[in-house]
């Protein structure tokens, strides 16, 4: 049996004035991903054949994101309610014959499972399905007036009677309906209500008036959470992080203190990884099985190989590639650098725009001097190299396999394989000199005090 065609309309034209931000509301991130992108992702997850985003005039950033994710952006010139917003998509969906699902761009916690359950309510005996949730405090929400498993109407809070306001099943704003029927019904919607707007919810009563039935579906209040303020954005972020951590633990990832770890939407962590407290996974991170990320480390745009150890207090920046059994320790920063199997940089170093060969040891305080104020240059360090502490490698420079660099060196020229490089000033020892230095320093101090 062929699945019915599905189109998704995402309403994202709200001004978001309560966010008090210059960023369009739906572009505020949850899990380092714009809220509306979460909704687009879930639309893809349920097999949407077409995606349309309703945007406000001049909202070019949202339009650009829509296009990048295979959606069509439609401008709602004047914000006159949800029914008016959906009606604006009729041209973009001309010729579409199937089910239309209406979503909101500020609900990043929606899951494909809940939307599939909603769509399953559609059938021979139901032309419309509406998604609701039980609210502890339903003030401000539209109420779903039901008779058993039949949805009779959705009444906005401002228009509801006292009896209707006592209903705790609230409308989440999410509706599934036959597309052609919906646009016919929307042409009949009036704005004779407390807000003077064209309500999408009025199509329920209009459909019932022509003998068509509607059914309710129910999801969790958390999943339906909309974001209108910075405080609500923080609540959504907290809920999202809790969900992602739970998913990873279920998949075999160990967290010492899960509530302290921050994840991005695209974070990939394989089974058997151990994560310490206060670790941040910014976008673009993949950690392979058996690796350990110790406390207070920050990773972005990095790959951590099997059995590798990172941290504590390590920073992996974009382009960091740690292969199997690599160690990157405390206060080490790695950027655009590959550390090959078994390489170690355990203390206080910066490795940027470099290759570190297999089995190489990078001593404490080593710096790859990769930038001269105008361009970036690479450092190539071969296999089984020993780089002594407090070494500066001035790129572009190459250290051959099995070479040794003495501690305290400033290396400006290539070092051949197997060679020992020493580049530091000659040590001089003057017997009794320490006491003479101290005496001179004390004399200067007395002079300053007298002056």
Foldseek 3Di string as FASTA:
>chain_A
DDDWAEEEEAEQADQLVQAVDPQRQQQDDFLQGRLLVLVLVLCVVLPHPAYEYEHEPPNVVVCVVQVVSRYHYFYQDDCFEDLSRVLSCCVVCPPPWGKYKYHYSQQNLAHNVQVVVQVVQDDDQAQKEFEWEFDPQCPQFWAFDDDVFWTQFTGGNQADDPVRNVHRTGTLRIMMGGVVLLSVLSVVFAQPGPVSGGYSRVSQNVCVVVPHIYGYDYDYPLSSQGDSYPVSSVVVNQVVQVVVLVVVVVQAEAEPDSSQERGHPQEAEHHQEYEYGNEYEHPQEHEDHCEYEYHCEYEYLEYHEHNEYEEDCEYEYRLEYEYAHEYEYHQEYEENEYEDACEYEHEDEYHYQEYAEHQEYAEHQEYEQQDDPPGGAYEYEYANEYEYHNEYEDPPEYEEDCEYEYHNAYDDYYHYHNYYHYHDDDDDDDPPVVVVVVVVVVVVVVVVVVD
